[in-house]
ModelCIF file with pLDDT and N, C-alpha, C, O atoms, coordinates in Angstrom:
data_MODEL
#
_entry.id   MODEL 
#
_entity.id                         1 
_entity.type                       polymer 
_entity.pdbx_number_of_molecules   1 
#
_entity_poly.entity_id                      1 
_entity_poly.type                           'polypeptide(L)' 
_entity_poly.nstd_linkage                   no 
_entity_poly.nstd_monomer                   no 
_entity_poly.pdbx_seq_one_letter_code       FPKDKLRQTILFVKEHYGVMPFNCKQYERLYEFMKHDKKNS 
_entity_poly.pdbx_seq_one_letter_code_can   FPKDKLRQTILFVKEHYGVMPFNCKQYERLYEFMKHDKKNS 
_entity_poly.pdbx_strand_id                 A 
#
loop_
_entity_poly_seq.entity_id 
_entity_poly_seq.num 
_entity_poly_seq.mon_id 
_entity_poly_seq.hetero 
1 1  PHE n 
1 2  PRO n 
1 3  LYS n 
1 4  ASP n 
1 5  LYS n 
1 6  LEU n 
1 7  ARG n 
1 8  GLN n 
1 9  THR n 
1 10 ILE n 
1 11 LEU n 
1 12 PHE n 
1 13 VAL n 
1 14 LYS n 
1 15 GLU n 
1 16 HIS n 
1 17 TYR n 
1 18 GLY n 
1 19 VAL n 
1 20 MET n 
1 21 PRO n 
1 22 PHE n 
1 23 ASN n 
1 24 CYS n 
1 25 LYS n 
1 26 GLN n 
1 27 TYR n 
1 28 GLU n 
1 29 ARG n 
1 30 LEU n 
1 31 TYR n 
1 32 GLU n 
1 33 PHE n 
1 34 MET n 
1 35 LYS n 
1 36 HIS n 
1 37 ASP n 
1 38 LYS n 
1 39 LYS n 
1 40 ASN n 
1 41 SER n 
#
_struct_asym.id          A 
_struct_asym.entity_id   1 
#
loop_
_ma_qa_metric.id 
_ma_qa_metric.mode 
_ma_qa_metric.name 
_ma_qa_metric.software_group_id 
_ma_qa_metric.type 
1 global pLDDT . pLDDT 
2 local  pLDDT . pLDDT 
#
_ma_qa_metric_global.metric_id      1 
_ma_qa_metric_global.metric_value   93.22 
_ma_qa_metric_global.model_id       1 
_ma_qa_metric_global.ordinal_id     1 
#
loop_
_ma_qa_metric_local.label_asym_id 
_ma_qa_metric_local.label_comp_id 
_ma_qa_metric_local.label_seq_id 
_ma_qa_metric_local.metric_id 
_ma_qa_metric_local.metric_value 
_ma_qa_metric_local.model_id 
_ma_qa_metric_local.ordinal_id 
A PHE 1  2 98.00 1 1  
A PRO 2  2 98.00 1 2  
A LYS 3  2 97.00 1 3  
A ASP 4  2 97.00 1 4  
A LYS 5  2 98.00 1 5  
A LEU 6  2 97.00 1 6  
A ARG 7  2 97.00 1 7  
A GLN 8  2 97.00 1 8  
A THR 9  2 98.00 1 9  
A ILE 10 2 97.00 1 10 
A LEU 11 2 96.00 1 11 
A PHE 12 2 97.00 1 12 
A VAL 13 2 97.00 1 13 
A LYS 14 2 96.00 1 14 
A GLU 15 2 96.00 1 15 
A HIS 16 2 97.00 1 16 
A TYR 17 2 96.00 1 17 
A GLY 18 2 95.00 1 18 
A VAL 19 2 93.00 1 19 
A MET 20 2 90.00 1 20 
A PRO 21 2 85.00 1 21 
A PHE 22 2 91.00 1 22 
A ASN 23 2 91.00 1 23 
A CYS 24 2 93.00 1 24 
A LYS 25 2 95.00 1 25 
A GLN 26 2 96.00 1 26 
A TYR 27 2 97.00 1 27 
A GLU 28 2 97.00 1 28 
A ARG 29 2 97.00 1 29 
A LEU 30 2 97.00 1 30 
A TYR 31 2 97.00 1 31 
A GLU 32 2 95.00 1 32 
A PHE 33 2 95.00 1 33 
A MET 34 2 95.00 1 34 
A LYS 35 2 93.00 1 35 
A HIS 36 2 88.00 1 36 
A ASP 37 2 82.00 1 37 
A LYS 38 2 75.00 1 38 
A LYS 39 2 77.00 1 39 
A ASN 40 2 81.00 1 40 
A SER 41 2 78.00 1 41 
#
loop_
_atom_site.group_PDB 
_atom_site.id 
_atom_site.type_symbol 
_atom_site.label_atom_id 
_atom_site.label_alt_id 
_atom_site.label_comp_id 
_atom_site.label_asym_id 
_atom_site.label_entity_id 
_atom_site.label_seq_id 
_atom_site.pdbx_PDB_ins_code 
_atom_site.Cartn_x 
_atom_site.Cartn_y 
_atom_site.Cartn_z 
_atom_site.occupancy 
_atom_site.B_iso_or_equiv 
_atom_site.pdbx_formal_charge 
_atom_site.auth_seq_id 
_atom_site.auth_comp_id 
_atom_site.auth_asym_id 
_atom_site.auth_atom_id 
_atom_site.pdbx_PDB_model_num 
ATOM 1   N N  . PHE A 1 1  ? 0.903   -1.180  -0.039 1.00 98.00 ? 1  PHE A N  1 
ATOM 2   C CA . PHE A 1 1  ? 0.061   -0.055  -0.017 1.00 98.00 ? 1  PHE A CA 1 
ATOM 3   C C  . PHE A 1 1  ? 0.766   1.329   0.057  1.00 98.00 ? 1  PHE A C  1 
ATOM 4   O O  . PHE A 1 1  ? 1.515   1.564   1.005  1.00 98.00 ? 1  PHE A O  1 
ATOM 5   N N  . PRO A 1 2  ? 0.568   2.171   -0.832 1.00 98.00 ? 2  PRO A N  1 
ATOM 6   C CA . PRO A 1 2  ? 1.403   3.455   -0.950 1.00 98.00 ? 2  PRO A CA 1 
ATOM 7   C C  . PRO A 1 2  ? 1.719   4.278   0.254  1.00 98.00 ? 2  PRO A C  1 
ATOM 8   O O  . PRO A 1 2  ? 0.798   4.711   0.945  1.00 98.00 ? 2  PRO A O  1 
ATOM 9   N N  . LYS A 1 3  ? 2.998   4.524   0.553  1.00 97.00 ? 3  LYS A N  1 
ATOM 10  C CA . LYS A 1 3  ? 3.442   5.328   1.718  1.00 97.00 ? 3  LYS A CA 1 
ATOM 11  C C  . LYS A 1 3  ? 2.545   6.582   1.861  1.00 97.00 ? 3  LYS A C  1 
ATOM 12  O O  . LYS A 1 3  ? 2.001   6.853   2.932  1.00 97.00 ? 3  LYS A O  1 
ATOM 13  N N  . ASP A 1 4  ? 2.395   7.414   0.634  1.00 97.00 ? 4  ASP A N  1 
ATOM 14  C CA . ASP A 1 4  ? 1.727   8.740   0.790  1.00 97.00 ? 4  ASP A CA 1 
ATOM 15  C C  . ASP A 1 4  ? 0.341   8.696   1.231  1.00 97.00 ? 4  ASP A C  1 
ATOM 16  O O  . ASP A 1 4  ? -0.129  9.538   1.996  1.00 97.00 ? 4  ASP A O  1 
ATOM 17  N N  . LYS A 1 5  ? -0.350  7.664   0.725  1.00 98.00 ? 5  LYS A N  1 
ATOM 18  C CA . LYS A 1 5  ? -1.736  7.366   1.153  1.00 98.00 ? 5  LYS A CA 1 
ATOM 19  C C  . LYS A 1 5  ? -1.891  6.838   2.676  1.00 98.00 ? 5  LYS A C  1 
ATOM 20  O O  . LYS A 1 5  ? -2.868  7.071   3.389  1.00 98.00 ? 5  LYS A O  1 
ATOM 21  N N  . LEU A 1 6  ? -0.907  6.190   2.995  1.00 97.00 ? 6  LEU A N  1 
ATOM 22  C CA . LEU A 1 6  ? -0.816  5.856   4.414  1.00 97.00 ? 6  LEU A CA 1 
ATOM 23  C C  . LEU A 1 6  ? -0.632  6.962   5.365  1.00 97.00 ? 6  LEU A C  1 
ATOM 24  O O  . LEU A 1 6  ? -1.282  7.046   6.407  1.00 97.00 ? 6  LEU A O  1 
ATOM 25  N N  . ARG A 1 7  ? 0.360   7.903   4.956  1.00 97.00 ? 7  ARG A N  1 
ATOM 26  C CA . ARG A 1 7  ? 0.492   9.012   5.734  1.00 97.00 ? 7  ARG A CA 1 
ATOM 27  C C  . ARG A 1 7  ? -0.763  10.018  5.684  1.00 97.00 ? 7  ARG A C  1 
ATOM 28  O O  . ARG A 1 7  ? -1.119  10.662  6.671  1.00 97.00 ? 7  ARG A O  1 
ATOM 29  N N  . GLN A 1 8  ? -1.343  10.078  4.534  1.00 97.00 ? 8  GLN A N  1 
ATOM 30  C CA . GLN A 1 8  ? -2.470  11.194  4.491  1.00 97.00 ? 8  GLN A CA 1 
ATOM 31  C C  . GLN A 1 8  ? -3.601  10.453  5.414  1.00 97.00 ? 8  GLN A C  1 
ATOM 32  O O  . GLN A 1 8  ? -4.159  11.181  6.235  1.00 97.00 ? 8  GLN A O  1 
ATOM 33  N N  . THR A 1 9  ? -3.916  9.359   5.373  1.00 98.00 ? 9  THR A N  1 
ATOM 34  C CA . THR A 1 9  ? -4.906  8.714   6.293  1.00 98.00 ? 9  THR A CA 1 
ATOM 35  C C  . THR A 1 9  ? -4.464  8.720   7.705  1.00 98.00 ? 9  THR A C  1 
ATOM 36  O O  . THR A 1 9  ? -5.317  8.893   8.576  1.00 98.00 ? 9  THR A O  1 
ATOM 37  N N  . ILE A 1 10 ? -3.277  8.559   8.013  1.00 97.00 ? 10 ILE A N  1 
ATOM 38  C CA . ILE A 1 10 ? -2.893  8.583   9.505  1.00 97.00 ? 10 ILE A CA 1 
ATOM 39  C C  . ILE A 1 10 ? -3.060  10.117  9.940  1.00 97.00 ? 10 ILE A C  1 
ATOM 40  O O  . ILE A 1 10 ? -3.650  10.344  10.997 1.00 97.00 ? 10 ILE A O  1 
ATOM 41  N N  . LEU A 1 11 ? -2.596  11.119  9.215  1.00 96.00 ? 11 LEU A N  1 
ATOM 42  C CA . LEU A 1 11 ? -2.809  12.656  9.535  1.00 96.00 ? 11 LEU A CA 1 
ATOM 43  C C  . LEU A 1 11 ? -4.317  12.955  9.657  1.00 96.00 ? 11 LEU A C  1 
ATOM 44  O O  . LEU A 1 11 ? -4.718  13.740  10.516 1.00 96.00 ? 11 LEU A O  1 
ATOM 45  N N  . PHE A 1 12 ? -5.106  12.370  8.853  1.00 97.00 ? 12 PHE A N  1 
ATOM 46  C CA . PHE A 1 12 ? -6.649  12.722  8.910  1.00 97.00 ? 12 PHE A CA 1 
ATOM 47  C C  . PHE A 1 12 ? -7.026  11.966  10.411 1.00 97.00 ? 12 PHE A C  1 
ATOM 48  O O  . PHE A 1 12 ? -7.774  12.553  11.194 1.00 97.00 ? 12 PHE A O  1 
ATOM 49  N N  . VAL A 1 13 ? -6.537  10.821  10.698 1.00 97.00 ? 13 VAL A N  1 
ATOM 50  C CA . VAL A 1 13 ? -7.101  10.106  12.005 1.00 97.00 ? 13 VAL A CA 1 
ATOM 51  C C  . VAL A 1 13 ? -6.404  10.950  13.284 1.00 97.00 ? 13 VAL A C  1 
ATOM 52  O O  . VAL A 1 13 ? -7.020  11.204  14.319 1.00 97.00 ? 13 VAL A O  1 
ATOM 53  N N  . LYS A 1 14 ? -5.090  11.317  13.044 1.00 96.00 ? 14 LYS A N  1 
ATOM 54  C CA . LYS A 1 14 ? -4.594  12.070  14.188 1.00 96.00 ? 14 LYS A CA 1 
ATOM 55  C C  . LYS A 1 14 ? -5.186  13.297  14.481 1.00 96.00 ? 14 LYS A C  1 
ATOM 56  O O  . LYS A 1 14 ? -5.361  13.671  15.641 1.00 96.00 ? 14 LYS A O  1 
ATOM 57  N N  . GLU A 1 15 ? -5.540  14.019  13.389 1.00 96.00 ? 15 GLU A N  1 
ATOM 58  C CA . GLU A 1 15 ? -6.224  15.399  13.652 1.00 96.00 ? 15 GLU A CA 1 
ATOM 59  C C  . GLU A 1 15 ? -7.784  15.232  14.213 1.00 96.00 ? 15 GLU A C  1 
ATOM 60  O O  . GLU A 1 15 ? -8.288  16.041  14.992 1.00 96.00 ? 15 GLU A O  1 
ATOM 61  N N  . HIS A 1 16 ? -8.371  14.221  13.769 1.00 97.00 ? 16 HIS A N  1 
ATOM 62  C CA . HIS A 1 16 ? -9.882  14.120  14.311 1.00 97.00 ? 16 HIS A CA 1 
ATOM 63  C C  . HIS A 1 16 ? -10.082 13.233  15.331 1.00 97.00 ? 16 HIS A C  1 
ATOM 64  O O  . HIS A 1 16 ? -11.086 13.452  16.009 1.00 97.00 ? 16 HIS A O  1 
ATOM 65  N N  . TYR A 1 17 ? -9.314  12.160  15.671 1.00 96.00 ? 17 TYR A N  1 
ATOM 66  C CA . TYR A 1 17 ? -9.615  11.265  16.632 1.00 96.00 ? 17 TYR A CA 1 
ATOM 67  C C  . TYR A 1 17 ? -8.722  11.190  17.808 1.00 96.00 ? 17 TYR A C  1 
ATOM 68  O O  . TYR A 1 17 ? -9.111  10.691  18.864 1.00 96.00 ? 17 TYR A O  1 
ATOM 69  N N  . GLY A 1 18 ? -7.452  11.708  17.640 1.00 95.00 ? 18 GLY A N  1 
ATOM 70  C CA . GLY A 1 18 ? -6.615  11.677  18.764 1.00 95.00 ? 18 GLY A CA 1 
ATOM 71  C C  . GLY A 1 18 ? -5.917  10.269  18.908 1.00 95.00 ? 18 GLY A C  1 
ATOM 72  O O  . GLY A 1 18 ? -5.724  9.624   17.878 1.00 95.00 ? 18 GLY A O  1 
ATOM 73  N N  . VAL A 1 19 ? -5.562  9.800   20.020 1.00 93.00 ? 19 VAL A N  1 
ATOM 74  C CA . VAL A 1 19 ? -4.910  8.640   20.261 1.00 93.00 ? 19 VAL A CA 1 
ATOM 75  C C  . VAL A 1 19 ? -5.387  7.672   21.270 1.00 93.00 ? 19 VAL A C  1 
ATOM 76  O O  . VAL A 1 19 ? -5.664  8.117   22.384 1.00 93.00 ? 19 VAL A O  1 
ATOM 77  N N  . MET A 1 20 ? -5.524  6.390   21.030 1.00 90.00 ? 20 MET A N  1 
ATOM 78  C CA . MET A 1 20 ? -5.843  5.345   21.825 1.00 90.00 ? 20 MET A CA 1 
ATOM 79  C C  . MET A 1 20 ? -4.634  5.180   22.980 1.00 90.00 ? 20 MET A C  1 
ATOM 80  O O  . MET A 1 20 ? -3.485  4.887   22.647 1.00 90.00 ? 20 MET A O  1 
ATOM 81  N N  . PRO A 1 21 ? -4.970  5.371   24.180 1.00 85.00 ? 21 PRO A N  1 
ATOM 82  C CA . PRO A 1 21 ? -4.087  5.236   25.275 1.00 85.00 ? 21 PRO A CA 1 
ATOM 83  C C  . PRO A 1 21 ? -3.864  3.906   25.761 1.00 85.00 ? 21 PRO A C  1 
ATOM 84  O O  . PRO A 1 21 ? -4.721  3.403   26.488 1.00 85.00 ? 21 PRO A O  1 
ATOM 85  N N  . PHE A 1 22 ? -2.690  3.182   25.418 1.00 91.00 ? 22 PHE A N  1 
ATOM 86  C CA . PHE A 1 22 ? -2.296  1.950   25.860 1.00 91.00 ? 22 PHE A CA 1 
ATOM 87  C C  . PHE A 1 22 ? -0.785  1.904   26.001 1.00 91.00 ? 22 PHE A C  1 
ATOM 88  O O  . PHE A 1 22 ? -0.180  2.792   25.400 1.00 91.00 ? 22 PHE A O  1 
ATOM 89  N N  . ASN A 1 23 ? -0.066  1.017   26.694 1.00 91.00 ? 23 ASN A N  1 
ATOM 90  C CA . ASN A 1 23 ? 1.189   1.044   26.734 1.00 91.00 ? 23 ASN A CA 1 
ATOM 91  C C  . ASN A 1 23 ? 1.713   -0.378  26.315 1.00 91.00 ? 23 ASN A C  1 
ATOM 92  O O  . ASN A 1 23 ? 0.920   -1.268  26.007 1.00 91.00 ? 23 ASN A O  1 
ATOM 93  N N  . CYS A 1 24 ? 3.048   -0.560  26.314 1.00 93.00 ? 24 CYS A N  1 
ATOM 94  C CA . CYS A 1 24 ? 3.681   -1.880  25.710 1.00 93.00 ? 24 CYS A CA 1 
ATOM 95  C C  . CYS A 1 24 ? 3.446   -2.992  26.638 1.00 93.00 ? 24 CYS A C  1 
ATOM 96  O O  . CYS A 1 24 ? 3.573   -4.143  26.220 1.00 93.00 ? 24 CYS A O  1 
ATOM 97  N N  . LYS A 1 25 ? 3.095   -2.748  27.935 1.00 95.00 ? 25 LYS A N  1 
ATOM 98  C CA . LYS A 1 25 ? 2.544   -3.890  28.853 1.00 95.00 ? 25 LYS A CA 1 
ATOM 99  C C  . LYS A 1 25 ? 1.212   -4.405  28.447 1.00 95.00 ? 25 LYS A C  1 
ATOM 100 O O  . LYS A 1 25 ? 0.739   -5.393  29.008 1.00 95.00 ? 25 LYS A O  1 
ATOM 101 N N  . GLN A 1 26 ? 0.620   -3.814  27.549 1.00 96.00 ? 26 GLN A N  1 
ATOM 102 C CA . GLN A 1 26 ? -0.811  -4.254  27.288 1.00 96.00 ? 26 GLN A CA 1 
ATOM 103 C C  . GLN A 1 26 ? -0.835  -4.825  25.908 1.00 96.00 ? 26 GLN A C  1 
ATOM 104 O O  . GLN A 1 26 ? -1.871  -5.165  25.338 1.00 96.00 ? 26 GLN A O  1 
ATOM 105 N N  . TYR A 1 27 ? 0.577   -4.928  25.315 1.00 97.00 ? 27 TYR A N  1 
ATOM 106 C CA . TYR A 1 27 ? 0.469   -5.538  24.017 1.00 97.00 ? 27 TYR A CA 1 
ATOM 107 C C  . TYR A 1 27 ? -0.083  -6.928  23.960 1.00 97.00 ? 27 TYR A C  1 
ATOM 108 O O  . TYR A 1 27 ? -0.808  -7.318  23.045 1.00 97.00 ? 27 TYR A O  1 
ATOM 109 N N  . GLU A 1 28 ? 0.302   -7.682  25.009 1.00 97.00 ? 28 GLU A N  1 
ATOM 110 C CA . GLU A 1 28 ? -0.001  -9.110  25.216 1.00 97.00 ? 28 GLU A CA 1 
ATOM 111 C C  . GLU A 1 28 ? -1.408  -9.410  25.379 1.00 97.00 ? 28 GLU A C  1 
ATOM 112 O O  . GLU A 1 28 ? -1.860  -10.473 24.953 1.00 97.00 ? 28 GLU A O  1 
ATOM 113 N N  . ARG A 1 29 ? -2.207  -8.470  26.021 1.00 97.00 ? 29 ARG A N  1 
ATOM 114 C CA . ARG A 1 29 ? -3.570  -8.449  26.079 1.00 97.00 ? 29 ARG A CA 1 
ATOM 115 C C  . ARG A 1 29 ? -4.135  -8.210  24.908 1.00 97.00 ? 29 ARG A C  1 
ATOM 116 O O  . ARG A 1 29 ? -4.984  -9.010  24.515 1.00 97.00 ? 29 ARG A O  1 
ATOM 117 N N  . LEU A 1 30 ? -3.828  -7.189  24.186 1.00 97.00 ? 30 LEU A N  1 
ATOM 118 C CA . LEU A 1 30 ? -4.377  -6.847  22.798 1.00 97.00 ? 30 LEU A CA 1 
ATOM 119 C C  . LEU A 1 30 ? -4.215  -7.988  21.844 1.00 97.00 ? 30 LEU A C  1 
ATOM 120 O O  . LEU A 1 30 ? -5.131  -8.286  21.078 1.00 97.00 ? 30 LEU A O  1 
ATOM 121 N N  . TYR A 1 31 ? -3.192  -8.571  21.862 1.00 97.00 ? 31 TYR A N  1 
ATOM 122 C CA . TYR A 1 31 ? -2.940  -9.896  21.041 1.00 97.00 ? 31 TYR A CA 1 
ATOM 123 C C  . TYR A 1 31 ? -3.831  -10.967 21.468 1.00 97.00 ? 31 TYR A C  1 
ATOM 124 O O  . TYR A 1 31 ? -4.310  -11.662 20.572 1.00 97.00 ? 31 TYR A O  1 
ATOM 125 N N  . GLU A 1 32 ? -4.136  -11.224 22.671 1.00 95.00 ? 32 GLU A N  1 
ATOM 126 C CA . GLU A 1 32 ? -5.088  -12.207 22.988 1.00 95.00 ? 32 GLU A CA 1 
ATOM 127 C C  . GLU A 1 32 ? -6.527  -11.800 22.579 1.00 95.00 ? 32 GLU A C  1 
ATOM 128 O O  . GLU A 1 32 ? -7.322  -12.659 22.198 1.00 95.00 ? 32 GLU A O  1 
ATOM 129 N N  . PHE A 1 33 ? -6.815  -10.662 22.647 1.00 95.00 ? 33 PHE A N  1 
ATOM 130 C CA . PHE A 1 33 ? -8.159  -10.219 22.196 1.00 95.00 ? 33 PHE A CA 1 
ATOM 131 C C  . PHE A 1 33 ? -8.320  -10.464 20.573 1.00 95.00 ? 33 PHE A C  1 
ATOM 132 O O  . PHE A 1 33 ? -9.330  -10.923 20.041 1.00 95.00 ? 33 PHE A O  1 
ATOM 133 N N  . MET A 1 34 ? -7.184  -10.087 19.940 1.00 95.00 ? 34 MET A N  1 
ATOM 134 C CA . MET A 1 34 ? -7.062  -10.398 18.529 1.00 95.00 ? 34 MET A CA 1 
ATOM 135 C C  . MET A 1 34 ? -7.222  -11.799 18.160 1.00 95.00 ? 34 MET A C  1 
ATOM 136 O O  . MET A 1 34 ? -7.693  -12.120 17.069 1.00 95.00 ? 34 MET A O  1 
ATOM 137 N N  . LYS A 1 35 ? -6.848  -12.630 19.024 1.00 93.00 ? 35 LYS A N  1 
ATOM 138 C CA . LYS A 1 35 ? -6.770  -14.128 18.907 1.00 93.00 ? 35 LYS A CA 1 
ATOM 139 C C  . LYS A 1 35 ? -8.249  -14.662 18.970 1.00 93.00 ? 35 LYS A C  1 
ATOM 140 O O  . LYS A 1 35 ? -8.573  -15.748 18.489 1.00 93.00 ? 35 LYS A O  1 
ATOM 141 N N  . HIS A 1 36 ? -9.090  -13.833 19.583 1.00 88.00 ? 36 HIS A N  1 
ATOM 142 C CA . HIS A 1 36 ? -10.521 -14.203 19.627 1.00 88.00 ? 36 HIS A CA 1 
ATOM 143 C C  . HIS A 1 36 ? -11.482 -13.649 18.650 1.00 88.00 ? 36 HIS A C  1 
ATOM 144 O O  . HIS A 1 36 ? -12.704 -13.792 18.679 1.00 88.00 ? 36 HIS A O  1 
ATOM 145 N N  . ASP A 1 37 ? -10.705 -12.928 17.687 1.00 82.00 ? 37 ASP A N  1 
ATOM 146 C CA . ASP A 1 37 ? -11.586 -12.514 16.649 1.00 82.00 ? 37 ASP A CA 1 
ATOM 147 C C  . ASP A 1 37 ? -12.374 -13.418 15.780 1.00 82.00 ? 37 ASP A C  1 
ATOM 148 O O  . ASP A 1 37 ? -11.869 -14.463 15.370 1.00 82.00 ? 37 ASP A O  1 
ATOM 149 N N  . LYS A 1 38 ? -13.602 -13.070 15.471 1.00 75.00 ? 38 LYS A N  1 
ATOM 150 C CA . LYS A 1 38 ? -14.509 -14.030 14.679 1.00 75.00 ? 38 LYS A CA 1 
ATOM 151 C C  . LYS A 1 38 ? -13.923 -14.384 13.355 1.00 75.00 ? 38 LYS A C  1 
ATOM 152 O O  . LYS A 1 38 ? -14.202 -15.466 12.838 1.00 75.00 ? 38 LYS A O  1 
ATOM 153 N N  . LYS A 1 39 ? -13.096 -13.497 12.758 1.00 77.00 ? 39 LYS A N  1 
ATOM 154 C CA . LYS A 1 39 ? -12.628 -13.767 11.532 1.00 77.00 ? 39 LYS A CA 1 
ATOM 155 C C  . LYS A 1 39 ? -11.388 -14.733 11.379 1.00 77.00 ? 39 LYS A C  1 
ATOM 156 O O  . LYS A 1 39 ? -10.851 -14.980 10.299 1.00 77.00 ? 39 LYS A O  1 
ATOM 157 N N  . ASN A 1 40 ? -11.029 -15.212 12.520 1.00 81.00 ? 40 ASN A N  1 
ATOM 158 C CA . ASN A 1 40 ? -9.584  -15.998 12.403 1.00 81.00 ? 40 ASN A CA 1 
ATOM 159 C C  . ASN A 1 40 ? -10.409 -17.347 12.172 1.00 81.00 ? 40 ASN A C  1 
ATOM 160 O O  . ASN A 1 40 ? -11.624 -17.523 12.261 1.00 81.00 ? 40 ASN A O  1 
ATOM 161 N N  . SER A 1 41 ? -9.318  -18.312 11.827 1.00 78.00 ? 41 SER A N  1 
ATOM 162 C CA . SER A 1 41 ? -9.480  -19.678 11.506 1.00 78.00 ? 41 SER A CA 1 
ATOM 163 C C  . SER A 1 41 ? -8.153  -20.398 12.003 1.00 78.00 ? 41 SER A C  1 
ATOM 164 O O  . SER A 1 41 ? -8.016  -21.612 11.850 1.00 78.00 ? 41 SER A O  1 
#
């Protein structure tokens, strides 16, 4: 996916949505939640 379009989209999200607050100690928990996603097989 083109880097310029990635950057444009990120800038839009930063400007309008701010940031999700989490830290590196929560990576494992986020990974566990992703493992339960219904799209997985």
